[in-house]
Amino acid sequence: LGLKDKYAEENAVCRYTDVAPEHPYARWISGAADLGMFDPAGEFRPDE
């Protein structure tokens, strides 16, 4: 979507209980949730 760099510069505000702010993909998981790609609550299972 051309938004990777935009979210790379933002602080991750994850709604998921299993995604810590320091997770390597936290910023992009947060951005994808903001855009409605994933259900924005509960567990995300980022490493599965």
ModelCIF file with pLDDT and N, C-alpha, C, O atoms, coordinates in Angstrom:
data_MODEL
#
_entry.id   MODEL 
#
_entity.id                         1 
_entity.type                       polymer 
_entity.pdbx_number_of_molecules   1 
#
_entity_poly.entity_id                      1 
_entity_poly.type                           'polypeptide(L)' 
_entity_poly.nstd_linkage                   no 
_entity_poly.nstd_monomer                   no 
_entity_poly.pdbx_seq_one_letter_code       LGLKDKYAEENAVCRYTDVAPEHPYARWISGAADLGMFDPAGEFRPDE 
_entity_poly.pdbx_seq_one_letter_code_can   LGLKDKYAEENAVCRYTDVAPEHPYARWISGAADLGMFDPAGEFRPDE 
_entity_poly.pdbx_strand_id                 A 
#
loop_
_entity_poly_seq.entity_id 
_entity_poly_seq.num 
_entity_poly_seq.mon_id 
_entity_poly_seq.hetero 
1 1  LEU n 
1 2  GLY n 
1 3  LEU n 
1 4  LYS n 
1 5  ASP n 
1 6  LYS n 
1 7  TYR n 
1 8  ALA n 
1 9  GLU n 
1 10 GLU n 
1 11 ASN n 
1 12 ALA n 
1 13 VAL n 
1 14 CYS n 
1 15 ARG n 
1 16 TYR n 
1 17 THR n 
1 18 ASP n 
1 19 VAL n 
1 20 ALA n 
1 21 PRO n 
1 22 GLU n 
1 23 HIS n 
1 24 PRO n 
1 25 TYR n 
1 26 ALA n 
1 27 ARG n 
1 28 TRP n 
1 29 ILE n 
1 30 SER n 
1 31 GLY n 
1 32 ALA n 
1 33 ALA n 
1 34 ASP n 
1 35 LEU n 
1 36 GLY n 
1 37 MET n 
1 38 PHE n 
1 39 ASP n 
1 40 PRO n 
1 41 ALA n 
1 42 GLY n 
1 43 GLU n 
1 44 PHE n 
1 45 ARG n 
1 46 PRO n 
1 47 ASP n 
1 48 GLU n 
#
_struct_asym.id          A 
_struct_asym.entity_id   1 
#
loop_
_ma_qa_metric.id 
_ma_qa_metric.mode 
_ma_qa_metric.name 
_ma_qa_metric.software_group_id 
_ma_qa_metric.type 
1 global pLDDT . pLDDT 
2 local  pLDDT . pLDDT 
#
_ma_qa_metric_global.metric_id      1 
_ma_qa_metric_global.metric_value   88.92 
_ma_qa_metric_global.model_id       1 
_ma_qa_metric_global.ordinal_id     1 
#
loop_
_ma_qa_metric_local.label_asym_id 
_ma_qa_metric_local.label_comp_id 
_ma_qa_metric_local.label_seq_id 
_ma_qa_metric_local.metric_id 
_ma_qa_metric_local.metric_value 
_ma_qa_metric_local.model_id 
_ma_qa_metric_local.ordinal_id 
A LEU 1  2 89.00 1 1  
A GLY 2  2 91.00 1 2  
A LEU 3  2 91.00 1 3  
A LYS 4  2 92.00 1 4  
A ASP 5  2 91.00 1 5  
A LYS 6  2 90.00 1 6  
A TYR 7  2 88.00 1 7  
A ALA 8  2 86.00 1 8  
A GLU 9  2 81.00 1 9  
A GLU 10 2 76.00 1 10 
A ASN 11 2 75.00 1 11 
A ALA 12 2 73.00 1 12 
A VAL 13 2 77.00 1 13 
A CYS 14 2 77.00 1 14 
A ARG 15 2 82.00 1 15 
A TYR 16 2 93.00 1 16 
A THR 17 2 92.00 1 17 
A ASP 18 2 95.00 1 18 
A VAL 19 2 93.00 1 19 
A ALA 20 2 91.00 1 20 
A PRO 21 2 89.00 1 21 
A GLU 22 2 90.00 1 22 
A HIS 23 2 93.00 1 23 
A PRO 24 2 93.00 1 24 
A TYR 25 2 94.00 1 25 
A ALA 26 2 93.00 1 26 
A ARG 27 2 92.00 1 27 
A TRP 28 2 93.00 1 28 
A ILE 29 2 94.00 1 29 
A SER 30 2 91.00 1 30 
A GLY 31 2 91.00 1 31 
A ALA 32 2 91.00 1 32 
A ALA 33 2 90.00 1 33 
A ASP 34 2 88.00 1 34 
A LEU 35 2 88.00 1 35 
A GLY 36 2 87.00 1 36 
A MET 37 2 88.00 1 37 
A PHE 38 2 89.00 1 38 
A ASP 39 2 85.00 1 39 
A PRO 40 2 79.00 1 40 
A ALA 41 2 81.00 1 41 
A GLY 42 2 90.00 1 42 
A GLU 43 2 94.00 1 43 
A PHE 44 2 96.00 1 44 
A ARG 45 2 96.00 1 45 
A PRO 46 2 96.00 1 46 
A ASP 47 2 97.00 1 47 
A GLU 48 2 97.00 1 48 
#
loop_
_atom_site.group_PDB 
_atom_site.id 
_atom_site.type_symbol 
_atom_site.label_atom_id 
_atom_site.label_alt_id 
_atom_site.label_comp_id 
_atom_site.label_asym_id 
_atom_site.label_entity_id 
_atom_site.label_seq_id 
_atom_site.pdbx_PDB_ins_code 
_atom_site.Cartn_x 
_atom_site.Cartn_y 
_atom_site.Cartn_z 
_atom_site.occupancy 
_atom_site.B_iso_or_equiv 
_atom_site.pdbx_formal_charge 
_atom_site.auth_seq_id 
_atom_site.auth_comp_id 
_atom_site.auth_asym_id 
_atom_site.auth_atom_id 
_atom_site.pdbx_PDB_model_num 
ATOM 1   N N  . LEU A 1 1  ? 0.816  -1.221  0.000  1.00 89.00 ? 1  LEU A N  1 
ATOM 2   C CA . LEU A 1 1  ? 0.000  0.000   0.000  1.00 89.00 ? 1  LEU A CA 1 
ATOM 3   C C  . LEU A 1 1  ? 0.848  1.269   0.000  1.00 89.00 ? 1  LEU A C  1 
ATOM 4   O O  . LEU A 1 1  ? 0.316  2.379   -0.020 1.00 89.00 ? 1  LEU A O  1 
ATOM 5   N N  . GLY A 1 2  ? 2.167  1.099   0.022  1.00 91.00 ? 2  GLY A N  1 
ATOM 6   C CA . GLY A 1 2  ? 3.052  2.266   0.051  1.00 91.00 ? 2  GLY A CA 1 
ATOM 7   C C  . GLY A 1 2  ? 3.094  2.953   1.398  1.00 91.00 ? 2  GLY A C  1 
ATOM 8   O O  . GLY A 1 2  ? 3.439  4.132   1.479  1.00 91.00 ? 2  GLY A O  1 
ATOM 9   N N  . LEU A 1 3  ? 2.746  2.234   2.466  1.00 91.00 ? 3  LEU A N  1 
ATOM 10  C CA . LEU A 1 3  ? 2.661  2.838   3.794  1.00 91.00 ? 3  LEU A CA 1 
ATOM 11  C C  . LEU A 1 3  ? 3.688  2.285   4.780  1.00 91.00 ? 3  LEU A C  1 
ATOM 12  O O  . LEU A 1 3  ? 3.667  2.634   5.960  1.00 91.00 ? 3  LEU A O  1 
ATOM 13  N N  . LYS A 1 4  ? 4.574  1.437   4.309  1.00 92.00 ? 4  LYS A N  1 
ATOM 14  C CA . LYS A 1 4  ? 5.543  0.812   5.214  1.00 92.00 ? 4  LYS A CA 1 
ATOM 15  C C  . LYS A 1 4  ? 6.419  1.860   5.901  1.00 92.00 ? 4  LYS A C  1 
ATOM 16  O O  . LYS A 1 4  ? 6.597  1.812   7.118  1.00 92.00 ? 4  LYS A O  1 
ATOM 17  N N  . ASP A 1 5  ? 6.961  2.792   5.143  1.00 91.00 ? 5  ASP A N  1 
ATOM 18  C CA . ASP A 1 5  ? 7.848  3.804   5.719  1.00 91.00 ? 5  ASP A CA 1 
ATOM 19  C C  . ASP A 1 5  ? 7.097  4.723   6.675  1.00 91.00 ? 5  ASP A C  1 
ATOM 20  O O  . ASP A 1 5  ? 7.642  5.141   7.697  1.00 91.00 ? 5  ASP A O  1 
ATOM 21  N N  . LYS A 1 6  ? 5.852  5.035   6.345  1.00 90.00 ? 6  LYS A N  1 
ATOM 22  C CA . LYS A 1 6  ? 5.050  5.908   7.207  1.00 90.00 ? 6  LYS A CA 1 
ATOM 23  C C  . LYS A 1 6  ? 4.909  5.303   8.605  1.00 90.00 ? 6  LYS A C  1 
ATOM 24  O O  . LYS A 1 6  ? 5.123  5.986   9.607  1.00 90.00 ? 6  LYS A O  1 
ATOM 25  N N  . TYR A 1 7  ? 4.552  4.037   8.666  1.00 88.00 ? 7  TYR A N  1 
ATOM 26  C CA . TYR A 1 7  ? 4.348  3.411   9.964  1.00 88.00 ? 7  TYR A CA 1 
ATOM 27  C C  . TYR A 1 7  ? 5.657  3.041   10.643 1.00 88.00 ? 7  TYR A C  1 
ATOM 28  O O  . TYR A 1 7  ? 5.692  2.870   11.862 1.00 88.00 ? 7  TYR A O  1 
ATOM 29  N N  . ALA A 1 8  ? 6.738  2.915   9.870  1.00 86.00 ? 8  ALA A N  1 
ATOM 30  C CA . ALA A 1 8  ? 8.045  2.629   10.467 1.00 86.00 ? 8  ALA A CA 1 
ATOM 31  C C  . ALA A 1 8  ? 8.511  3.773   11.355 1.00 86.00 ? 8  ALA A C  1 
ATOM 32  O O  . ALA A 1 8  ? 9.288  3.573   12.288 1.00 86.00 ? 8  ALA A O  1 
ATOM 33  N N  . GLU A 1 9  ? 8.027  4.972   11.055 1.00 81.00 ? 9  GLU A N  1 
ATOM 34  C CA . GLU A 1 9  ? 8.443  6.154   11.801 1.00 81.00 ? 9  GLU A CA 1 
ATOM 35  C C  . GLU A 1 9  ? 7.554  6.428   13.011 1.00 81.00 ? 9  GLU A C  1 
ATOM 36  O O  . GLU A 1 9  ? 7.851  7.322   13.803 1.00 81.00 ? 9  GLU A O  1 
ATOM 37  N N  . GLU A 1 10 ? 6.477  5.676   13.161 1.00 76.00 ? 10 GLU A N  1 
ATOM 38  C CA . GLU A 1 10 ? 5.544  5.919   14.253 1.00 76.00 ? 10 GLU A CA 1 
ATOM 39  C C  . GLU A 1 10 ? 5.770  4.925   15.388 1.00 76.00 ? 10 GLU A C  1 
ATOM 40  O O  . GLU A 1 10 ? 6.283  3.826   15.180 1.00 76.00 ? 10 GLU A O  1 
ATOM 41  N N  . ASN A 1 11 ? 5.385  5.325   16.562 1.00 75.00 ? 11 ASN A N  1 
ATOM 42  C CA . ASN A 1 11 ? 5.442  4.421   17.705 1.00 75.00 ? 11 ASN A CA 1 
ATOM 43  C C  . ASN A 1 11 ? 4.289  3.426   17.619 1.00 75.00 ? 11 ASN A C  1 
ATOM 44  O O  . ASN A 1 11 ? 3.151  3.780   17.311 1.00 75.00 ? 11 ASN A O  1 
ATOM 45  N N  . ALA A 1 12 ? 4.620  2.184   17.898 1.00 73.00 ? 12 ALA A N  1 
ATOM 46  C CA . ALA A 1 12 ? 3.595  1.144   17.820 1.00 73.00 ? 12 ALA A CA 1 
ATOM 47  C C  . ALA A 1 12 ? 2.615  1.268   18.975 1.00 73.00 ? 12 ALA A C  1 
ATOM 48  O O  . ALA A 1 12 ? 3.009  1.334   20.139 1.00 73.00 ? 12 ALA A O  1 
ATOM 49  N N  . VAL A 1 13 ? 1.340  1.298   18.636 1.00 77.00 ? 13 VAL A N  1 
ATOM 50  C CA . VAL A 1 13 ? 0.292  1.296   19.652 1.00 77.00 ? 13 VAL A CA 1 
ATOM 51  C C  . VAL A 1 13 ? -0.557 0.058   19.379 1.00 77.00 ? 13 VAL A C  1 
ATOM 52  O O  . VAL A 1 13 ? -1.623 0.140   18.769 1.00 77.00 ? 13 VAL A O  1 
ATOM 53  N N  . CYS A 1 14 ? -0.075 -1.064  19.831 1.00 77.00 ? 14 CYS A N  1 
ATOM 54  C CA . CYS A 1 14 ? -0.745 -2.323  19.522 1.00 77.00 ? 14 CYS A CA 1 
ATOM 55  C C  . CYS A 1 14 ? -1.865 -2.612  20.511 1.00 77.00 ? 14 CYS A C  1 
ATOM 56  O O  . CYS A 1 14 ? -1.734 -2.373  21.712 1.00 77.00 ? 14 CYS A O  1 
ATOM 57  N N  . ARG A 1 15 ? -2.945 -3.122  19.994 1.00 82.00 ? 15 ARG A N  1 
ATOM 58  C CA . ARG A 1 15 ? -4.081 -3.492  20.824 1.00 82.00 ? 15 ARG A CA 1 
ATOM 59  C C  . ARG A 1 15 ? -4.029 -4.970  21.207 1.00 82.00 ? 15 ARG A C  1 
ATOM 60  O O  . ARG A 1 15 ? -4.903 -5.462  21.921 1.00 82.00 ? 15 ARG A O  1 
ATOM 61  N N  . TYR A 1 16 ? -3.011 -5.669  20.736 1.00 93.00 ? 16 TYR A N  1 
ATOM 62  C CA . TYR A 1 16 ? -2.949 -7.110  20.929 1.00 93.00 ? 16 TYR A CA 1 
ATOM 63  C C  . TYR A 1 16 ? -2.156 -7.472  22.178 1.00 93.00 ? 16 TYR A C  1 
ATOM 64  O O  . TYR A 1 16 ? -1.112 -6.885  22.465 1.00 93.00 ? 16 TYR A O  1 
ATOM 65  N N  . THR A 1 17 ? -2.667 -8.434  22.900 1.00 92.00 ? 17 THR A N  1 
ATOM 66  C CA . THR A 1 17 ? -2.048 -8.806  24.169 1.00 92.00 ? 17 THR A CA 1 
ATOM 67  C C  . THR A 1 17 ? -0.713 -9.518  23.984 1.00 92.00 ? 17 THR A C  1 
ATOM 68  O O  . THR A 1 17 ? 0.079  -9.588  24.924 1.00 92.00 ? 17 THR A O  1 
ATOM 69  N N  . ASP A 1 18 ? -0.450 -10.047 22.796 1.00 95.00 ? 18 ASP A N  1 
ATOM 70  C CA . ASP A 1 18 ? 0.777  -10.815 22.575 1.00 95.00 ? 18 ASP A CA 1 
ATOM 71  C C  . ASP A 1 18 ? 1.767  -10.093 21.654 1.00 95.00 ? 18 ASP A C  1 
ATOM 72  O O  . ASP A 1 18 ? 2.697  -10.714 21.141 1.00 95.00 ? 18 ASP A O  1 
ATOM 73  N N  . VAL A 1 19 ? 1.574  -8.786  21.441 1.00 93.00 ? 19 VAL A N  1 
ATOM 74  C CA . VAL A 1 19 ? 2.506  -8.007  20.609 1.00 93.00 ? 19 VAL A CA 1 
ATOM 75  C C  . VAL A 1 19 ? 3.075  -6.877  21.458 1.00 93.00 ? 19 VAL A C  1 
ATOM 76  O O  . VAL A 1 19 ? 2.409  -5.869  21.696 1.00 93.00 ? 19 VAL A O  1 
ATOM 77  N N  . ALA A 1 20 ? 4.300  -7.052  21.908 1.00 91.00 ? 20 ALA A N  1 
ATOM 78  C CA . ALA A 1 20 ? 4.966  -6.017  22.703 1.00 91.00 ? 20 ALA A CA 1 
ATOM 79  C C  . ALA A 1 20 ? 5.453  -4.899  21.791 1.00 91.00 ? 20 ALA A C  1 
ATOM 80  O O  . ALA A 1 20 ? 5.727  -5.150  20.618 1.00 91.00 ? 20 ALA A O  1 
ATOM 81  N N  . PRO A 1 21 ? 5.569  -3.661  22.297 1.00 89.00 ? 21 PRO A N  1 
ATOM 82  C CA . PRO A 1 21 ? 6.031  -2.542  21.459 1.00 89.00 ? 21 PRO A CA 1 
ATOM 83  C C  . PRO A 1 21 ? 7.395  -2.785  20.826 1.00 89.00 ? 21 PRO A C  1 
ATOM 84  O O  . PRO A 1 21 ? 7.686  -2.239  19.762 1.00 89.00 ? 21 PRO A O  1 
ATOM 85  N N  . GLU A 1 22 ? 8.235  -3.599  21.468 1.00 90.00 ? 22 GLU A N  1 
ATOM 86  C CA . GLU A 1 22 ? 9.578  -3.840  20.928 1.00 90.00 ? 22 GLU A CA 1 
ATOM 87  C C  . GLU A 1 22 ? 9.613  -4.987  19.922 1.00 90.00 ? 22 GLU A C  1 
ATOM 88  O O  . GLU A 1 22 ? 10.679 -5.297  19.388 1.00 90.00 ? 22 GLU A O  1 
ATOM 89  N N  . HIS A 1 23 ? 8.484  -5.619  19.653 1.00 93.00 ? 23 HIS A N  1 
ATOM 90  C CA . HIS A 1 23 ? 8.464  -6.699  18.648 1.00 93.00 ? 23 HIS A CA 1 
ATOM 91  C C  . HIS A 1 23 ? 8.893  -6.130  17.295 1.00 93.00 ? 23 HIS A C  1 
ATOM 92  O O  . HIS A 1 23 ? 8.481  -5.024  16.947 1.00 93.00 ? 23 HIS A O  1 
ATOM 93  N N  . PRO A 1 24 ? 9.706  -6.852  16.526 1.00 93.00 ? 24 PRO A N  1 
ATOM 94  C CA . PRO A 1 24 ? 10.232 -6.296  15.265 1.00 93.00 ? 24 PRO A CA 1 
ATOM 95  C C  . PRO A 1 24 ? 9.169  -5.888  14.251 1.00 93.00 ? 24 PRO A C  1 
ATOM 96  O O  . PRO A 1 24 ? 9.434  -5.055  13.385 1.00 93.00 ? 24 PRO A O  1 
ATOM 97  N N  . TYR A 1 25 ? 7.969  -6.463  14.346 1.00 94.00 ? 25 TYR A N  1 
ATOM 98  C CA . TYR A 1 25 ? 6.906  -6.106  13.399 1.00 94.00 ? 25 TYR A CA 1 
ATOM 99  C C  . TYR A 1 25 ? 5.786  -5.302  14.057 1.00 94.00 ? 25 TYR A C  1 
ATOM 100 O O  . TYR A 1 25 ? 4.732  -5.109  13.452 1.00 94.00 ? 25 TYR A O  1 
ATOM 101 N N  . ALA A 1 26 ? 5.997  -4.836  15.279 1.00 93.00 ? 26 ALA A N  1 
ATOM 102 C CA . ALA A 1 26 ? 4.924  -4.185  16.034 1.00 93.00 ? 26 ALA A CA 1 
ATOM 103 C C  . ALA A 1 26 ? 4.336  -2.987  15.304 1.00 93.00 ? 26 ALA A C  1 
ATOM 104 O O  . ALA A 1 26 ? 3.117  -2.821  15.281 1.00 93.00 ? 26 ALA A O  1 
ATOM 105 N N  . ARG A 1 27 ? 5.183  -2.144  14.702 1.00 92.00 ? 27 ARG A N  1 
ATOM 106 C CA . ARG A 1 27 ? 4.687  -0.929  14.031 1.00 92.00 ? 27 ARG A CA 1 
ATOM 107 C C  . ARG A 1 27 ? 3.771  -1.277  12.861 1.00 92.00 ? 27 ARG A C  1 
ATOM 108 O O  . ARG A 1 27 ? 2.740  -0.637  12.656 1.00 92.00 ? 27 ARG A O  1 
ATOM 109 N N  . TRP A 1 28 ? 4.154  -2.289  12.103 1.00 93.00 ? 28 TRP A N  1 
ATOM 110 C CA . TRP A 1 28 ? 3.370  -2.650  10.925 1.00 93.00 ? 28 TRP A CA 1 
ATOM 111 C C  . TRP A 1 28 ? 2.111  -3.423  11.309 1.00 93.00 ? 28 TRP A C  1 
ATOM 112 O O  . TRP A 1 28 ? 1.088  -3.316  10.634 1.00 93.00 ? 28 TRP A O  1 
ATOM 113 N N  . ILE A 1 29 ? 2.181  -4.192  12.379 1.00 94.00 ? 29 ILE A N  1 
ATOM 114 C CA . ILE A 1 29 ? 0.974  -4.849  12.881 1.00 94.00 ? 29 ILE A CA 1 
ATOM 115 C C  . ILE A 1 29 ? -0.030 -3.797  13.337 1.00 94.00 ? 29 ILE A C  1 
ATOM 116 O O  . ILE A 1 29 ? -1.225 -3.903  13.062 1.00 94.00 ? 29 ILE A O  1 
ATOM 117 N N  . SER A 1 30 ? 0.472  -2.778  14.039 1.00 91.00 ? 30 SER A N  1 
ATOM 118 C CA . SER A 1 30 ? -0.390 -1.686  14.490 1.00 91.00 ? 30 SER A CA 1 
ATOM 119 C C  . SER A 1 30 ? -1.016 -0.962  13.306 1.00 91.00 ? 30 SER A C  1 
ATOM 120 O O  . SER A 1 30 ? -2.209 -0.657  13.315 1.00 91.00 ? 30 SER A O  1 
ATOM 121 N N  . GLY A 1 31 ? -0.202 -0.687  12.281 1.00 91.00 ? 31 GLY A N  1 
ATOM 122 C CA . GLY A 1 31 ? -0.713 0.002   11.093 1.00 91.00 ? 31 GLY A CA 1 
ATOM 123 C C  . GLY A 1 31 ? -1.743 -0.820  10.346 1.00 91.00 ? 31 GLY A C  1 
ATOM 124 O O  . GLY A 1 31 ? -2.760 -0.287  9.904  1.00 91.00 ? 31 GLY A O  1 
ATOM 125 N N  . ALA A 1 32 ? -1.490 -2.121  10.198 1.00 91.00 ? 32 ALA A N  1 
ATOM 126 C CA . ALA A 1 32 ? -2.442 -2.978  9.499  1.00 91.00 ? 32 ALA A CA 1 
ATOM 127 C C  . ALA A 1 32 ? -3.762 -3.060  10.252 1.00 91.00 ? 32 ALA A C  1 
ATOM 128 O O  . ALA A 1 32 ? -4.828 -3.110  9.639  1.00 91.00 ? 32 ALA A O  1 
ATOM 129 N N  . ALA A 1 33 ? -3.695 -3.075  11.580 1.00 90.00 ? 33 ALA A N  1 
ATOM 130 C CA . ALA A 1 33 ? -4.915 -3.087  12.376 1.00 90.00 ? 33 ALA A CA 1 
ATOM 131 C C  . ALA A 1 33 ? -5.672 -1.770  12.212 1.00 90.00 ? 33 ALA A C  1 
ATOM 132 O O  . ALA A 1 33 ? -6.900 -1.763  12.126 1.00 90.00 ? 33 ALA A O  1 
ATOM 133 N N  . ASP A 1 34 ? -4.940 -0.656  12.170 1.00 88.00 ? 34 ASP A N  1 
ATOM 134 C CA . ASP A 1 34 ? -5.577 0.656   11.977 1.00 88.00 ? 34 ASP A CA 1 
ATOM 135 C C  . ASP A 1 34 ? -6.347 0.701   10.657 1.00 88.00 ? 34 ASP A C  1 
ATOM 136 O O  . ASP A 1 34 ? -7.387 1.352   10.558 1.00 88.00 ? 34 ASP A O  1 
ATOM 137 N N  . LEU A 1 35 ? -5.831 0.012   9.655  1.00 88.00 ? 35 LEU A N  1 
ATOM 138 C CA . LEU A 1 35 ? -6.449 0.017   8.327  1.00 88.00 ? 35 LEU A CA 1 
ATOM 139 C C  . LEU A 1 35 ? -7.539 -1.037  8.167  1.00 88.00 ? 35 LEU A C  1 
ATOM 140 O O  . LEU A 1 35 ? -8.118 -1.176  7.090  1.00 88.00 ? 35 LEU A O  1 
ATOM 141 N N  . GLY A 1 36 ? -7.816 -1.775  9.231  1.00 87.00 ? 36 GLY A N  1 
ATOM 142 C CA . GLY A 1 36 ? -8.898 -2.743  9.197  1.00 87.00 ? 36 GLY A CA 1 
ATOM 143 C C  . GLY A 1 36 ? -8.558 -4.075  8.571  1.00 87.00 ? 36 GLY A C  1 
ATOM 144 O O  . GLY A 1 36 ? -9.457 -4.849  8.240  1.00 87.00 ? 36 GLY A O  1 
ATOM 145 N N  . MET A 1 37 ? -7.266 -4.362  8.399  1.00 88.00 ? 37 MET A N  1 
ATOM 146 C CA . MET A 1 37 ? -6.884 -5.637  7.787  1.00 88.00 ? 37 MET A CA 1 
ATOM 147 C C  . MET A 1 37 ? -7.065 -6.808  8.734  1.00 88.00 ? 37 MET A C  1 
ATOM 148 O O  . MET A 1 37 ? -7.313 -7.934  8.303  1.00 88.00 ? 37 MET A O  1 
ATOM 149 N N  . PHE A 1 38 ? -6.941 -6.537  10.030 1.00 89.00 ? 38 PHE A N  1 
ATOM 150 C CA . PHE A 1 38 ? -7.056 -7.586  11.034 1.00 89.00 ? 38 PHE A CA 1 
ATOM 151 C C  . PHE A 1 38 ? -8.028 -7.135  12.122 1.00 89.00 ? 38 PHE A C  1 
ATOM 152 O O  . PHE A 1 38 ? -8.234 -5.941  12.336 1.00 89.00 ? 38 PHE A O  1 
ATOM 153 N N  . ASP A 1 39 ? -8.616 -8.110  12.800 1.00 85.00 ? 39 ASP A N  1 
ATOM 154 C CA . ASP A 1 39 ? -9.452 -7.786  13.951 1.00 85.00 ? 39 ASP A CA 1 
ATOM 155 C C  . ASP A 1 39 ? -8.590 -7.062  14.985 1.00 85.00 ? 39 ASP A C  1 
ATOM 156 O O  . ASP A 1 39 ? -7.516 -7.552  15.333 1.00 85.00 ? 39 ASP A O  1 
ATOM 157 N N  . PRO A 1 40 ? -9.037 -5.903  15.485 1.00 79.00 ? 40 PRO A N  1 
ATOM 158 C CA . PRO A 1 40 ? -8.167 -5.037  16.283 1.00 79.00 ? 40 PRO A CA 1 
ATOM 159 C C  . PRO A 1 40 ? -8.114 -5.343  17.769 1.00 79.00 ? 40 PRO A C  1 
ATOM 160 O O  . PRO A 1 40 ? -7.886 -4.434  18.567 1.00 79.00 ? 40 PRO A O  1 
ATOM 161 N N  . ALA A 1 41 ? -8.314 -6.584  18.163 1.00 81.00 ? 41 ALA A N  1 
ATOM 162 C CA . ALA A 1 41 ? -8.283 -6.888  19.594 1.00 81.00 ? 41 ALA A CA 1 
ATOM 163 C C  . ALA A 1 41 ? -7.922 -8.353  19.796 1.00 81.00 ? 41 ALA A C  1 
ATOM 164 O O  . ALA A 1 41 ? -7.931 -9.153  18.861 1.00 81.00 ? 41 ALA A O  1 
ATOM 165 N N  . GLY A 1 42 ? -7.602 -8.680  21.047 1.00 90.00 ? 42 GLY A N  1 
ATOM 166 C CA . GLY A 1 42 ? -7.280 -10.057 21.372 1.00 90.00 ? 42 GLY A CA 1 
ATOM 167 C C  . GLY A 1 42 ? -5.822 -10.386 21.098 1.00 90.00 ? 42 GLY A C  1 
ATOM 168 O O  . GLY A 1 42 ? -4.939 -9.560  21.331 1.00 90.00 ? 42 GLY A O  1 
ATOM 169 N N  . GLU A 1 43 ? -5.573 -11.587 20.607 1.00 94.00 ? 43 GLU A N  1 
ATOM 170 C CA . GLU A 1 43 ? -4.222 -12.024 20.271 1.00 94.00 ? 43 GLU A CA 1 
ATOM 171 C C  . GLU A 1 43 ? -3.998 -11.954 18.764 1.00 94.00 ? 43 GLU A C  1 
ATOM 172 O O  . GLU A 1 43 ? -4.904 -12.201 17.968 1.00 94.00 ? 43 GLU A O  1 
ATOM 173 N N  . PHE A 1 44 ? -2.762 -11.611 18.395 1.00 96.00 ? 44 PHE A N  1 
ATOM 174 C CA . PHE A 1 44 ? -2.422 -11.526 16.979 1.00 96.00 ? 44 PHE A CA 1 
ATOM 175 C C  . PHE A 1 44 ? -1.612 -12.734 16.504 1.00 96.00 ? 44 PHE A C  1 
ATOM 176 O O  . PHE A 1 44 ? -1.672 -13.086 15.326 1.00 96.00 ? 44 PHE A O  1 
ATOM 177 N N  . ARG A 1 45 ? -0.866 -13.363 17.388 1.00 96.00 ? 45 ARG A N  1 
ATOM 178 C CA . ARG A 1 45 ? 0.018  -14.489 17.067 1.00 96.00 ? 45 ARG A CA 1 
ATOM 179 C C  . ARG A 1 45 ? 1.042  -14.088 16.000 1.00 96.00 ? 45 ARG A C  1 
ATOM 180 O O  . ARG A 1 45 ? 1.078  -14.697 14.931 1.00 96.00 ? 45 ARG A O  1 
ATOM 181 N N  . PRO A 1 46 ? 1.870  -13.081 16.270 1.00 96.00 ? 46 PRO A N  1 
ATOM 182 C CA . PRO A 1 46 ? 2.749  -12.506 15.245 1.00 96.00 ? 46 PRO A CA 1 
ATOM 183 C C  . PRO A 1 46 ? 3.820  -13.464 14.727 1.00 96.00 ? 46 PRO A C  1 
ATOM 184 O O  . PRO A 1 46 ? 4.296  -13.312 13.602 1.00 96.00 ? 46 PRO A O  1 
ATOM 185 N N  . ASP A 1 47 ? 4.199  -14.450 15.541 1.00 97.00 ? 47 ASP A N  1 
ATOM 186 C CA . ASP A 1 47 ? 5.280  -15.344 15.136 1.00 97.00 ? 47 ASP A CA 1 
ATOM 187 C C  . ASP A 1 47 ? 4.790  -16.664 14.569 1.00 97.00 ? 47 ASP A C  1 
ATOM 188 O O  . ASP A 1 47 ? 5.591  -17.538 14.238 1.00 97.00 ? 47 ASP A O  1 
ATOM 189 N N  . GLU A 1 48 ? 3.475  -16.813 14.454 1.00 97.00 ? 48 GLU A N  1 
ATOM 190 C CA . GLU A 1 48 ? 2.931  -18.016 13.823 1.00 97.00 ? 48 GLU A CA 1 
ATOM 191 C C  . GLU A 1 48 ? 2.924  -17.846 12.315 1.00 97.00 ? 48 GLU A C  1 
ATOM 192 O O  . GLU A 1 48 ? 2.503  -18.750 11.593 1.00 97.00 ? 48 GLU A O  1 
#
